[in-house]
PDB file of N, CA and C in Angstrom:
ATOM      1  N   MET A   1     117.890 117.587 105.293  1.00  0.00           N
ATOM      2  CA  MET A   1     118.526 116.908 104.066  1.00  0.00           C
ATOM      3  C   MET A   1     117.892 115.660 103.883  1.00  0.00           C
ATOM      4  N   ARG A   2     118.224 114.717 105.366  1.00  0.00           N
ATOM      5  CA  ARG A   2     117.755 113.209 105.524  1.00  0.00           C
ATOM      6  C   ARG A   2     116.527 113.337 104.720  1.00  0.00           C
ATOM      7  N   ILE A   3     115.554 113.980 104.924  1.00  0.00           N
ATOM      8  CA  ILE A   3     114.113 113.582 104.319  1.00  0.00           C
ATOM      9  C   ILE A   3     114.505 114.074 103.155  1.00  0.00           C
ATOM     10  N   ALA A   4     114.941 114.638 102.354  1.00  0.00           N
ATOM     11  CA  ALA A   4     114.764 115.236 101.254  1.00  0.00           C
ATOM     12  C   ALA A   4     115.772 114.154 100.105  1.00  0.00           C
ATOM     13  N   ARG A   5     116.495 113.437 100.753  1.00  0.00           N
ATOM     14  CA  ARG A   5     117.445 112.759 100.170  1.00  0.00           C
ATOM     15  C   ARG A   5     116.725 111.415 100.057  1.00  0.00           C
ATOM     16  N   LYS A   6     115.905 110.995 100.657  1.00  0.00           N
ATOM     17  CA  LYS A   6     115.007 109.961 100.782  1.00  0.00           C
ATOM     18  C   LYS A   6     113.866 109.795 100.023  1.00  0.00           C
ATOM     19  N   VAL A   7     113.488 111.249 100.063  1.00  0.00           N
ATOM     20  CA  VAL A   7     111.820 111.225  99.207  1.00  0.00           C
ATOM     21  C   VAL A   7     112.131 111.576  97.480  1.00  0.00           C
ATOM     22  N   VAL A   8     113.228 112.365  97.298  1.00  0.00           N
ATOM     23  CA  VAL A   8     113.732 112.387  95.717  1.00  0.00           C
ATOM     24  C   VAL A   8     114.653 111.803  95.172  1.00  0.00           C
ATOM     25  N   TRP A   9     114.960 110.925  94.856  1.00  0.00           N
ATOM     26  CA  TRP A   9     116.053 110.159  94.292  1.00  0.00           C
ATOM     27  C   TRP A   9     116.566 110.994  93.256  1.00  0.00           C
ATOM     28  N   TYR A  10     116.104 111.307  92.783  1.00  0.00           N
ATOM     29  CA  TYR A  10     117.106 111.910  91.335  1.00  0.00           C
ATOM     30  C   TYR A  10     117.680 113.534  91.522  1.00  0.00           C
ATOM     31  N   ASP A  11     117.202 113.742  92.553  1.00  0.00           N
ATOM     32  CA  ASP A  11     118.381 115.468  93.246  1.00  0.00           C
ATOM     33  C   ASP A  11     119.014 115.016  94.092  1.00  0.00           C
ATOM     34  N   THR A  12     120.009 116.321  94.079  1.00  0.00           N
ATOM     35  CA  THR A  12     120.516 115.905  95.944  1.00  0.00           C
ATOM     36  C   THR A  12     119.660 116.882  96.561  1.00  0.00           C
ATOM     37  N   PRO A  13     119.925 116.615  97.879  1.00  0.00           N
ATOM     38  CA  PRO A  13     119.017 117.242  98.937  1.00  0.00           C
ATOM     39  C   PRO A  13     118.953 118.601  98.815  1.00  0.00           C
ATOM     40  N   GLU A  14     120.327 119.327  98.392  1.00  0.00           N
ATOM     41  CA  GLU A  14     119.857 121.088  98.025  1.00  0.00           C
ATOM     42  C   GLU A  14     119.132 121.347  96.719  1.00  0.00           C
ATOM     43  N   GLU A  15     119.223 120.220  96.128  1.00  0.00           N
ATOM     44  CA  GLU A  15     118.493 120.892  94.507  1.00  0.00           C
ATOM     45  C   GLU A  15     117.222 120.801  95.067  1.00  0.00           C
ATOM     46  N   THR A  16     116.644 119.403  95.953  1.00  0.00           N
ATOM     47  CA  THR A  16     115.538 119.154  96.188  1.00  0.00           C
ATOM     48  C   THR A  16     114.630 120.676  96.960  1.00  0.00           C
ATOM     49  N   LEU A  17     115.423 120.730  98.005  1.00  0.00           N
ATOM     50  CA  LEU A  17     115.115 121.543  98.919  1.00  0.00           C
ATOM     51  C   LEU A  17     114.427 122.944  98.251  1.00  0.00           C
ATOM     52  N   VAL A  18     115.240 123.593  97.128  1.00  0.00           N
ATOM     53  CA  VAL A  18     115.017 124.560  96.311  1.00  0.00           C
ATOM     54  C   VAL A  18     113.383 124.446  95.920  1.00  0.00           C
ATOM     55  N   ASP A  19     113.078 123.429  95.773  1.00  0.00           N
ATOM     56  CA  ASP A  19     111.799 123.341  94.661  1.00  0.00           C
ATOM     57  C   ASP A  19     110.819 123.045  96.039  1.00  0.00           C
ATOM     58  N   LEU A  20     110.202 123.639  97.130  1.00  0.00           N
ATOM     59  CA  LEU A  20     109.497 123.368  97.831  1.00  0.00           C
ATOM     60  C   LEU A  20     108.143 122.845  97.276  1.00  0.00           C
ATOM     61  N   LYS A  21     107.535 123.079  96.186  1.00  0.00           N
ATOM     62  CA  LYS A  21     106.340 122.229  96.029  1.00  0.00           C
ATOM     63  C   LYS A  21     106.570 120.757  95.152  1.00  0.00           C
ATOM     64  N   THR A  22     107.682 120.770  94.857  1.00  0.00           N
ATOM     65  CA  THR A  22     108.143 119.289  94.487  1.00  0.00           C
ATOM     66  C   THR A  22     108.916 118.884  95.616  1.00  0.00           C
ATOM     67  N   PHE A  23     109.395 119.032  96.527  1.00  0.00           N
ATOM     68  CA  PHE A  23     109.586 118.205  97.899  1.00  0.00           C
ATOM     69  C   PHE A  23     108.234 117.914  98.393  1.00  0.00           C
ATOM     70  N   LEU A  24     107.604 118.536  98.880  1.00  0.00           N
ATOM     71  CA  LEU A  24     106.283 118.587  99.532  1.00  0.00           C
ATOM     72  C   LEU A  24     105.412 117.346  98.791  1.00  0.00           C
ATOM     73  N   ALA A  25     105.427 117.629  97.438  1.00  0.00           N
ATOM     74  CA  ALA A  25     104.673 116.220  96.904  1.00  0.00           C
ATOM     75  C   ALA A  25     105.431 115.356  96.998  1.00  0.00           C
ATOM     76  N   HIS A  26     106.367 114.985  96.892  1.00  0.00           N
ATOM     77  CA  HIS A  26     107.133 114.147  97.029  1.00  0.00           C
ATOM     78  C   HIS A  26     107.128 113.637  98.824  1.00  0.00           C
ATOM     79  N   LEU A  27     107.447 114.005  99.671  1.00  0.00           N
ATOM     80  CA  LEU A  27     107.256 113.828 100.898  1.00  0.00           C
ATOM     81  C   LEU A  27     105.756 113.108 100.761  1.00  0.00           C
ATOM     82  N   MET A  28     104.378 113.971 100.995  1.00  0.00           N
ATOM     83  CA  MET A  28     103.282 113.648 101.032  1.00  0.00           C
ATOM     84  C   MET A  28     102.956 112.086 100.190  1.00  0.00           C
ATOM     85  N   VAL A  29     103.753 111.828  99.345  1.00  0.00           N
ATOM     86  CA  VAL A  29     103.736 110.038  98.624  1.00  0.00           C
ATOM     87  C   VAL A  29     104.733 109.315  98.846  1.00  0.00           C
ATOM     88  N   TYR A  30     106.078 109.393  99.296  1.00  0.00           N
ATOM     89  CA  TYR A  30     106.872 108.503 100.221  1.00  0.00           C
ATOM     90  C   TYR A  30     107.188 109.204 101.764  1.00  0.00           C
ATOM     91  N   GLY A  31     106.580 109.726 101.841  1.00  0.00           N
ATOM     92  CA  GLY A  31     107.738 109.769 103.474  1.00  0.00           C
ATOM     93  C   GLY A  31     106.650 109.113 104.216  1.00  0.00           C
ATOM     94  N   PRO A  32     107.442 108.561 105.132  1.00  0.00           N
ATOM     95  CA  PRO A  32     106.782 108.033 106.130  1.00  0.00           C
ATOM     96  C   PRO A  32     105.950 109.007 107.094  1.00  0.00           C
ATOM     97  N   PRO A  33     104.418 108.409 108.146  1.00  0.00           N
ATOM     98  CA  PRO A  33     104.510 109.448 108.973  1.00  0.00           C
ATOM     99  C   PRO A  33     105.535 110.334 109.573  1.00  0.00           C
ATOM    100  N   ALA A  34     106.784 109.595 110.643  1.00  0.00           N
ATOM    101  CA  ALA A  34     107.111 110.577 111.464  1.00  0.00           C
ATOM    102  C   ALA A  34     108.252 111.459 110.289  1.00  0.00           C
ATOM    103  N   ASP A  35     108.381 111.629 109.117  1.00  0.00           N
ATOM    104  CA  ASP A  35     109.033 112.048 107.997  1.00  0.00           C
ATOM    105  C   ASP A  35     108.235 113.357 108.063  1.00  0.00           C
ATOM    106  N   VAL A  36     107.060 113.090 107.514  1.00  0.00           N
ATOM    107  CA  VAL A  36     105.979 114.074 107.103  1.00  0.00           C
ATOM    108  C   VAL A  36     105.886 115.124 108.541  1.00  0.00           C
ATOM    109  N   ASP A  37     105.371 114.969 109.944  1.00  0.00           N
ATOM    110  CA  ASP A  37     105.729 115.025 111.425  1.00  0.00           C
ATOM    111  C   ASP A  37     106.357 116.291 111.485  1.00  0.00           C
ATOM    112  N   ALA A  38     107.989 115.729 110.746  1.00  0.00           N
ATOM    113  CA  ALA A  38     109.408 116.258 111.009  1.00  0.00           C
ATOM    114  C   ALA A  38     108.904 117.626 110.413  1.00  0.00           C
ATOM    115  N   VAL A  39     108.824 117.454 109.257  1.00  0.00           N
ATOM    116  CA  VAL A  39     108.587 118.633 108.160  1.00  0.00           C
ATOM    117  C   VAL A  39     107.511 119.376 108.545  1.00  0.00           C
ATOM    118  N   ARG A  40     106.510 118.756 109.164  1.00  0.00           N
ATOM    119  CA  ARG A  40     105.635 119.861 109.674  1.00  0.00           C
ATOM    120  C   ARG A  40     105.553 120.973 110.654  1.00  0.00           C
ATOM    121  N   ARG A  41     106.721 120.651 111.505  1.00  0.00           N
ATOM    122  CA  ARG A  41     107.580 121.247 112.493  1.00  0.00           C
ATOM    123  C   ARG A  41     108.066 122.620 111.957  1.00  0.00           C
ATOM    124  N   HIS A  42     108.276 122.559 110.054  1.00  0.00           N
ATOM    125  CA  HIS A  42     108.903 124.049 109.570  1.00  0.00           C
ATOM    126  C   HIS A  42     108.388 124.063 108.571  1.00  0.00           C
ATOM    127  N   VAL A  43     107.626 123.515 107.659  1.00  0.00           N
ATOM    128  CA  VAL A  43     106.823 124.062 106.849  1.00  0.00           C
ATOM    129  C   VAL A  43     105.221 123.843 107.175  1.00  0.00           C
ATOM    130  N   PRO A  44     104.901 125.181 107.341  1.00  0.00           N
ATOM    131  CA  PRO A  44     102.870 125.162 107.690  1.00  0.00           C
ATOM    132  C   PRO A  44     101.815 124.326 106.553  1.00  0.00           C
ATOM    133  N   MET A  45     100.914 123.743 106.987  1.00  0.00           N
ATOM    134  CA  MET A  45     100.352 122.733 107.066  1.00  0.00           C
ATOM    135  C   MET A  45      99.624 123.583 105.224  1.00  0.00           C
ATOM    136  N   GLU A  46      99.577 124.447 105.327  1.00  0.00           N
ATOM    137  CA  GLU A  46      98.906 125.346 104.611  1.00  0.00           C
ATOM    138  C   GLU A  46      99.644 125.201 102.921  1.00  0.00           C
ATOM    139  N   GLU A  47     100.833 124.848 103.485  1.00  0.00           N
ATOM    140  CA  GLU A  47     101.745 125.101 101.862  1.00  0.00           C
ATOM    141  C   GLU A  47     101.539 123.290 101.497  1.00  0.00           C
ATOM    142  N   PHE A  48     101.148 122.520 102.013  1.00  0.00           N
ATOM    143  CA  PHE A  48     100.786 121.069 101.698  1.00  0.00           C
ATOM    144  C   PHE A  48      99.814 121.573 101.191  1.00  0.00           C
ATOM    145  N   ARG A  49      98.625 122.038 101.362  1.00  0.00           N
ATOM    146  CA  ARG A  49      97.240 122.013 100.610  1.00  0.00           C
ATOM    147  C   ARG A  49      97.589 122.929  99.480  1.00  0.00           C
ATOM    148  N   LYS A  50      98.570 123.565  99.522  1.00  0.00           N
ATOM    149  CA  LYS A  50      98.665 124.566  98.376  1.00  0.00           C
ATOM    150  C   LYS A  50      99.540 123.373  97.162  1.00  0.00           C
ATOM    151  N   VAL A  51      99.738 122.411  97.517  1.00  0.00           N
ATOM    152  CA  VAL A  51     100.581 121.405  96.698  1.00  0.00           C
ATOM    153  C   VAL A  51      99.363 120.646  95.535  1.00  0.00           C
ATOM    154  N   LEU A  52      98.447 120.196  96.704  1.00  0.00           N
ATOM    155  CA  LEU A  52      97.592 119.675  96.135  1.00  0.00           C
ATOM    156  C   LEU A  52      96.349 120.699  95.382  1.00  0.00           C
ATOM    157  N   GLU A  53      96.510 122.256  95.411  1.00  0.00           N
ATOM    158  CA  GLU A  53      95.736 122.788  94.492  1.00  0.00           C
ATOM    159  C   GLU A  53      96.622 122.812  93.171  1.00  0.00           C
ATOM    160  N   ASP A  54      97.589 122.692  93.207  1.00  0.00           N
ATOM    161  CA  ASP A  54      98.454 122.598  92.248  1.00  0.00           C
ATOM    162  C   ASP A  54      99.508 121.607  91.395  1.00  0.00           C
ATOM    163  N   ALA A  55      99.163 120.405  91.805  1.00  0.00           N
ATOM    164  CA  ALA A  55     100.002 118.956  92.158  1.00  0.00           C
ATOM    165  C   ALA A  55     100.923 119.144  90.881  1.00  0.00           C
ATOM    166  N   PRO A  56     101.766 118.616  90.932  1.00  0.00           N
ATOM    167  CA  PRO A  56     102.318 118.017  89.435  1.00  0.00           C
ATOM    168  C   PRO A  56     101.794 116.774  88.787  1.00  0.00           C
ATOM    169  N   ALA A  57     101.803 116.665  87.974  1.00  0.00           N
ATOM    170  CA  ALA A  57     101.232 115.690  87.065  1.00  0.00           C
ATOM    171  C   ALA A  57     102.012 114.364  87.433  1.00  0.00           C
ATOM    172  N   GLY A  58     102.036 113.155  87.438  1.00  0.00           N
ATOM    173  CA  GLY A  58     102.855 111.722  87.515  1.00  0.00           C
ATOM    174  C   GLY A  58     103.359 111.643  88.659  1.00  0.00           C
ATOM    175  N   VAL A  59     102.745 112.649  89.986  1.00  0.00           N
ATOM    176  CA  VAL A  59     103.672 111.796  91.305  1.00  0.00           C
ATOM    177  C   VAL A  59     102.768 111.129  92.305  1.00  0.00           C
ATOM    178  N   PHE A  60     101.866 112.203  92.467  1.00  0.00           N
ATOM    179  CA  PHE A  60     100.932 111.276  93.302  1.00  0.00           C
ATOM    180  C   PHE A  60     100.217 109.882  92.759  1.00  0.00           C
ATOM    181  N   THR A  61     100.364 109.084  93.706  1.00  0.00           N
ATOM    182  CA  THR A  61      99.700 108.102  93.756  1.00  0.00           C
ATOM    183  C   THR A  61      98.067 108.336  93.797  1.00  0.00           C
ATOM    184  N   ALA A  62      97.313 107.381  93.568  1.00  0.00           N
ATOM    185  CA  ALA A  62      95.475 107.616  93.897  1.00  0.00           C
ATOM    186  C   ALA A  62      95.655 107.260  95.508  1.00  0.00           C
ATOM    187  N   GLU A  63      96.306 106.350  96.172  1.00  0.00           N
ATOM    188  CA  GLU A  63      96.048 106.593  97.675  1.00  0.00           C
ATOM    189  C   GLU A  63      95.806 107.755  98.193  1.00  0.00           C
ATOM    190  N   ALA A  64      97.623 107.995  97.817  1.00  0.00           N
ATOM    191  CA  ALA A  64      98.264 109.628  98.726  1.00  0.00           C
ATOM    192  C   ALA A  64      97.194 110.307  98.134  1.00  0.00           C
ATOM    193  N   TRP A  65      96.680 110.541  96.898  1.00  0.00           N
ATOM    194  CA  TRP A  65      95.666 111.673  96.194  1.00  0.00           C
ATOM    195  C   TRP A  65      94.675 111.707  97.342  1.00  0.00           C
ATOM    196  N   ILE A  66      93.987 110.347  97.513  1.00  0.00           N
ATOM    197  CA  ILE A  66      92.772 110.323  98.036  1.00  0.00           C
ATOM    198  C   ILE A  66      93.155 110.819  99.724  1.00  0.00           C
ATOM    199  N   ARG A  67      94.297 110.268 100.302  1.00  0.00           N
ATOM    200  CA  ARG A  67      94.306 110.414 101.782  1.00  0.00           C
ATOM    201  C   ARG A  67      94.596 111.964 102.182  1.00  0.00           C
ATOM    202  N   TRP A  68      95.114 112.539 101.202  1.00  0.00           N
ATOM    203  CA  TRP A  68      95.753 114.009 101.713  1.00  0.00           C
ATOM    204  C   TRP A  68      94.373 114.919 101.110  1.00  0.00           C
ATOM    205  N   HIS A  69      93.698 114.551 100.695  1.00  0.00           N
ATOM    206  CA  HIS A  69      92.188 115.312  99.989  1.00  0.00           C
ATOM    207  C   HIS A  69      91.521 115.293 101.228  1.00  0.00           C
ATOM    208  N   LYS A  70      91.414 114.084 102.085  1.00  0.00           N
ATOM    209  CA  LYS A  70      90.432 113.345 102.991  1.00  0.00           C
ATOM    210  C   LYS A  70      91.152 114.047 104.365  1.00  0.00           C
ATOM    211  N   ARG A  71      92.711 114.511 104.233  1.00  0.00           N
ATOM    212  CA  ARG A  71      92.941 114.884 105.676  1.00  0.00           C
ATOM    213  C   ARG A  71      92.680 116.550 105.708  1.00  0.00           C
ATOM    214  N   PHE A  72      92.491 117.149 104.481  1.00  0.00           N
ATOM    215  CA  PHE A  72      92.330 118.716 104.587  1.00  0.00           C
ATOM    216  C   PHE A  72      90.505 118.429 104.896  1.00  0.00           C
ATOM    217  N   GLY A  73      89.781 117.495 104.333  1.00  0.00           N
ATOM    218  CA  GLY A  73      88.416 117.664 104.385  1.00  0.00           C
ATOM    219  C   GLY A  73      87.957 118.214 102.817  1.00  0.00           C
ATOM    220  N   LEU A  74      88.922 118.014 102.037  1.00  0.00           N
ATOM    221  CA  LEU A  74      88.281 118.433 100.616  1.00  0.00           C
ATOM    222  C   LEU A  74      88.262 117.084  99.901  1.00  0.00           C
ATOM    223  N   GLU A  75      86.997 117.727  98.846  1.00  0.00           N
ATOM    224  CA  GLU A  75      86.581 116.609  97.721  1.00  0.00           C
ATOM    225  C   GLU A  75      87.719 116.050  97.049  1.00  0.00           C
ATOM    226  N   VAL A  76      87.493 114.909  96.752  1.00  0.00           N
ATOM    227  CA  VAL A  76      88.869 114.461  95.693  1.00  0.00           C
ATOM    228  C   VAL A  76      88.692 114.622  94.495  1.00  0.00           C
ATOM    229  N   PRO A  77      89.248 115.805  93.700  1.00  0.00           N
ATOM    230  CA  PRO A  77      89.109 115.401  92.012  1.00  0.00           C
ATOM    231  C   PRO A  77      90.150 114.410  91.590  1.00  0.00           C
ATOM    232  N   PRO A  78      89.947 114.359  90.206  1.00  0.00           N
ATOM    233  CA  PRO A  78      90.860 113.320  89.480  1.00  0.00           C
ATOM    234  C   PRO A  78      91.768 113.797  89.728  1.00  0.00           C
ATOM    235  N   LEU A  79      93.323 112.483  89.494  1.00  0.00           N
ATOM    236  CA  LEU A  79      94.654 112.514  89.568  1.00  0.00           C
ATOM    237  C   LEU A  79      95.074 114.003  88.577  1.00  0.00           C
ATOM    238  N   PRO A  80      95.855 114.870  88.450  1.00  0.00           N
ATOM    239  CA  PRO A  80      96.662 115.538  87.685  1.00  0.00           C
ATOM    240  C   PRO A  80      96.644 114.848  86.203  1.00  0.00           C
ATOM    241  N   ARG A  81      96.597 115.287  85.421  1.00  0.00           N
ATOM    242  CA  ARG A  81      97.159 114.705  84.283  1.00  0.00           C
ATOM    243  C   ARG A  81      98.184 115.710  83.241  1.00  0.00           C
ATOM    244  N   ARG A  82      99.006 114.992  82.379  1.00  0.00           N
ATOM    245  CA  ARG A  82     100.142 115.858  81.998  1.00  0.00           C
ATOM    246  C   ARG A  82      99.462 116.000  80.631  1.00  0.00           C
ATOM    247  N   ARG A  83      99.633 117.787  80.334  1.00  0.00           N
ATOM    248  CA  ARG A  83      99.197 118.332  79.308  1.00  0.00           C
ATOM    249  C   ARG A  83     100.702 118.585  78.261  1.00  0.00           C
ATOM    250  N   PHE A  84     100.496 118.247  76.902  1.00  0.00           N
ATOM    251  CA  PHE A  84     101.402 118.710  75.920  1.00  0.00           C
ATOM    252  C   PHE A  84     101.011 119.864  75.595  1.00  0.00           C
ATOM    253  N   PRO A  85     101.933 120.402  74.658  1.00  0.00           N
ATOM    254  CA  PRO A  85     102.042 121.621  74.411  1.00  0.00           C
ATOM    255  C   PRO A  85     101.422 121.676  72.928  1.00  0.00           C
ATOM    256  N   ASP A  86     100.512 121.123  72.497  1.00  0.00           N
ATOM    257  CA  ASP A  86      99.595 121.335  71.771  1.00  0.00           C
ATOM    258  C   ASP A  86      98.388 121.354  72.578  1.00  0.00           C
ATOM    259  N   GLY A  87      98.126 121.272  73.643  1.00  0.00           N
ATOM    260  CA  GLY A  87      97.017 121.150  74.413  1.00  0.00           C
ATOM    261  C   GLY A  87      96.381 119.754  74.861  1.00  0.00           C
ATOM    262  N   SER A  88      97.109 118.843  74.306  1.00  0.00           N
ATOM    263  CA  SER A  88      96.197 117.867  74.547  1.00  0.00           C
ATOM    264  C   SER A  88      96.625 117.025  75.895  1.00  0.00           C
ATOM    265  N   LEU A  89      95.974 116.174  76.326  1.00  0.00           N
ATOM    266  CA  LEU A  89      96.279 115.344  77.430  1.00  0.00           C
ATOM    267  C   LEU A  89      96.787 114.287  77.531  1.00  0.00           C
ATOM    268  N   GLY A  90      97.603 113.866  78.426  1.00  0.00           N
ATOM    269  CA  GLY A  90      98.254 112.842  78.356  1.00  0.00           C
ATOM    270  C   GLY A  90      96.993 111.251  79.009  1.00  0.00           C
ATOM    271  N   PRO A  91      97.450 110.120  79.195  1.00  0.00           N
ATOM    272  CA  PRO A  91      96.595 108.646  79.101  1.00  0.00           C
ATOM    273  C   PRO A  91      95.935 109.077  80.840  1.00  0.00           C
ATOM    274  N   ASP A  92      95.389 108.571  81.264  1.00  0.00           N
ATOM    275  CA  ASP A  92      94.675 109.001  82.557  1.00  0.00           C
ATOM    276  C   ASP A  92      95.733 108.549  83.591  1.00  0.00           C
ATOM    277  N   PRO A  93      95.442 109.184  84.483  1.00  0.00           N
ATOM    278  CA  PRO A  93      97.020 108.659  85.148  1.00  0.00           C
ATOM    279  C   PRO A  93      96.604 106.724  85.801  1.00  0.00           C
ATOM    280  N   GLY A  94      97.960 106.105  86.240  1.00  0.00           N
ATOM    281  CA  GLY A  94      97.835 104.870  86.355  1.00  0.00           C
ATOM    282  C   GLY A  94      98.209 103.823  85.005  1.00  0.00           C
ATOM    283  N   THR A  95      97.546 104.475  83.832  1.00  0.00           N
ATOM    284  CA  THR A  95      97.431 103.629  82.759  1.00  0.00           C
ATOM    285  C   THR A  95      98.510 104.008  81.898  1.00  0.00           C
ATOM    286  N   PHE A  96      99.015 102.940  81.107  1.00  0.00           N
ATOM    287  CA  PHE A  96     100.019 103.404  80.218  1.00  0.00           C
ATOM    288  C   PHE A  96      99.709 103.266  78.533  1.00  0.00           C
ATOM    289  N   LEU A  97      99.685 104.049  77.750  1.00  0.00           N
ATOM    290  CA  LEU A  97      98.812 104.384  76.757  1.00  0.00           C
ATOM    291  C   LEU A  97      98.036 104.100  76.315  1.00  0.00           C
ATOM    292  N   GLY A  98      97.164 104.430  77.564  1.00  0.00           N
ATOM    293  CA  GLY A  98      95.026 103.852  77.381  1.00  0.00           C
ATOM    294  C   GLY A  98      94.740 102.471  77.722  1.00  0.00           C
ATOM    295  N   ARG A  99      96.324 101.431  78.177  1.00  0.00           N
ATOM    296  CA  ARG A  99      95.780 100.315  78.777  1.00  0.00           C
ATOM    297  C   ARG A  99      95.675 100.112  80.487  1.00  0.00           C
TER     298      ARG A  99
END
């Protein structure tokens, strides 16, 4: 609960922990190594890897994206982008309206 409260500010810890993928994605970006290690005692590393395979757009920083892919020995693809209902893609990650 303590770690969930720290890494996801917009939901209660109870709501955060219902969605493991969202919790882990935020932990992978905002969690200090000690918190990642604490969660790893309860969550298999394969779950962390699954987050990278279907990562939510707009959560990962470029630094965290690269760090986690390297940790698993994976090639680093582009950061996930938001897809709008009409199928178009949002701006490149890290940019605002193409700037």
